[in-house]
Protein backbone atom coordinates (compact mmCIF):
# COMPACT_ATOMS: atom_id res chain seq x y z
CA MET A 1 119.17 130.69 108.96
CA GLY A 2 116.13 133.37 107.79
CA TRP A 3 117.61 133.48 104.54
CA LEU A 4 117.63 129.83 104.14
CA LEU A 5 113.45 129.95 105.02
CA ALA A 6 112.94 132.48 102.49
CA VAL A 7 114.68 131.06 99.57
CA GLY A 8 112.81 127.73 100.51
CA LEU A 9 109.49 129.56 100.64
CA LEU A 10 110.49 131.58 97.02
CA PHE A 11 111.13 128.19 95.76
CA LEU A 12 107.66 126.28 97.09
CA THR A 13 105.98 129.49 95.72
CA LEU A 14 108.00 129.17 92.24
CA LEU A 15 106.94 125.61 92.34
CA TRP A 16 103.50 126.30 92.87
CA VAL A 17 103.03 129.02 90.17
CA ALA A 18 104.66 126.50 87.50
CA THR A 19 102.01 123.55 88.50
CA ARG A 20 99.04 126.23 88.21
CA LEU A 21 100.27 127.25 84.88
CA ARG A 22 101.01 123.89 83.40
CA ARG A 23 97.34 122.82 84.61
CA ARG A 24 96.13 125.95 82.82
CA ALA A 25 98.17 125.30 79.68
CA ILE A 26 96.52 121.66 79.50
CA ARG A 27 93.30 123.03 79.71
CA THR A 28 93.28 125.39 77.48
CA LEU A 29 94.58 123.00 74.93
CA LEU A 30 92.17 120.17 76.11
CA LEU A 31 89.21 122.84 75.53
CA THR A 32 90.27 124.05 71.96
CA THR A 33 91.99 120.89 70.32
CA GLY A 34 90.28 117.68 72.72
CA ALA A 35 88.37 115.06 71.60
CA GLU A 36 84.79 114.49 73.03
CA THR A 37 83.33 111.54 74.18
CA ARG A 38 79.92 110.83 76.12
CA GLY A 39 80.16 108.44 79.48
CA THR A 40 78.06 106.64 82.01
CA SER A 41 78.26 108.01 85.46
CA THR A 42 77.58 106.13 88.58
CA VAL A 43 78.76 106.49 92.72
CA TYR A 44 81.86 105.39 93.12
CA HIS A 45 82.47 103.61 96.76
CA ARG A 46 86.06 103.20 97.80
CA GLY A 47 86.16 101.83 101.83
CA ARG A 48 85.34 104.66 104.32
CA ARG A 49 86.31 107.51 102.03
CA ARG A 50 83.52 109.48 100.86
CA PRO A 51 81.65 108.66 97.40
CA ARG A 52 83.02 109.82 94.37
CA ILE A 53 81.31 110.43 90.85
CA SER A 54 82.86 107.54 88.44
CA VAL A 55 82.80 107.95 84.57
CA ARG A 56 83.09 105.26 82.22
CA TYR A 57 84.09 105.90 78.71
CA VAL A 58 85.54 104.42 75.50
CA ASP A 59 87.98 106.59 73.95
CA ASN A 60 89.20 107.11 70.26
CA SER A 61 91.55 104.23 70.40
CA GLY A 62 88.59 101.31 71.94
CA ILE A 63 89.90 101.34 75.35
CA GLU A 64 87.60 101.48 77.86
CA ARG A 65 88.37 103.57 80.67
CA LEU A 66 87.15 104.30 84.28
CA ALA A 67 87.88 108.00 85.61
CA VAL A 68 86.82 109.16 88.69
CA LYS A 69 85.82 112.60 89.85
CA ALA A 70 88.59 114.13 91.95
CA LEU A 71 87.02 116.41 93.98
CA VAL A 72 83.91 115.86 95.99
CA SER A 73 81.00 118.83 96.12
CA ALA A 74 78.06 119.43 97.59
CA GLY A 75 76.23 118.98 94.23
CA ASP A 76 77.33 115.50 93.60
CA ALA A 77 73.92 114.10 93.66
CA GLU A 78 72.64 116.78 91.03
CA LEU A 79 75.37 115.82 88.61
CA LEU A 80 74.48 112.43 88.48
CA LYS A 81 71.42 113.22 87.23
CA LYS A 82 73.07 114.86 83.91
CA CYS A 83 75.10 113.04 81.08
CA ALA A 84 78.52 112.96 81.23
CA VAL A 85 81.10 114.20 78.91
CA VAL A 86 84.81 113.21 78.42
CA LEU A 87 87.22 115.48 77.26
CA TYR A 88 90.50 114.52 76.22
CA HIS A 89 93.88 114.35 74.66
CA PRO A 90 93.81 111.34 71.91
CA LYS A 91 98.21 111.23 72.36
CA HIS A 92 97.69 111.13 75.98
CA ALA A 93 95.06 109.54 76.66
CA ASP A 94 96.15 107.50 79.26
CA ARG A 95 97.39 110.65 81.38
CA SER A 96 94.59 111.65 84.00
CA ASP A 97 96.18 115.11 83.78
CA TYR A 98 94.86 115.28 79.84
CA VAL A 99 91.21 114.61 80.86
CA LEU A 100 88.51 116.55 81.86
CA VAL A 101 84.72 115.25 82.51
CA GLY A 102 81.91 117.87 82.71
CA PHE A 103 77.94 117.21 83.38
CA GLY A 104 75.48 118.36 81.04
CA LYS A 105 74.89 118.84 77.15
CA HIS A 106 77.00 121.47 77.01
CA PRO A 107 79.53 121.50 80.05
CA HIS A 108 80.25 124.87 81.54
CA ARG A 109 82.21 123.26 84.41
CA TRP A 110 84.99 120.81 83.78
CA PHE A 111 86.37 118.73 86.28
CA PRO A 112 89.91 117.02 86.75
CA VAL A 113 89.65 113.38 87.24
CA GLU A 114 91.84 110.22 88.34
CA PHE A 115 92.18 106.95 86.87
CA VAL A 116 91.20 103.96 88.52
CA SER A 117 91.68 99.89 87.80
CA ASP A 118 88.33 97.68 88.15
CA ARG A 119 90.21 95.54 90.14
CA PRO A 120 88.91 94.82 93.70
CA ALA A 121 91.91 95.95 96.16
CA ARG A 122 93.60 93.53 98.01
CA ASN A 123 93.25 93.19 101.71
């Protein structure tokens, strides 16, 4: 029975490594060949969760999108003071794993995003 646990842990480790490698490959692709556009950033409140930063931008096809910075960090208030830059892949503009958000004129750090709808949630 111990071997089954070992195989399960090995499988989970391989899955985690594969996911990390895929994210790194997509990030490298975006930093080398991605389309860059400016966006406007605001505070995004959703229920009782901690507020996050939302960025509204228009992609090359003219569709306006709302992306929310996935990670909440202590320096988010400082990031709101800077201009937002969105980096995305034109062929996969509707997938959140192909979109990164940075802050400042020349961002050094890029953050993953999640897409949200503008419609209010139903209770």
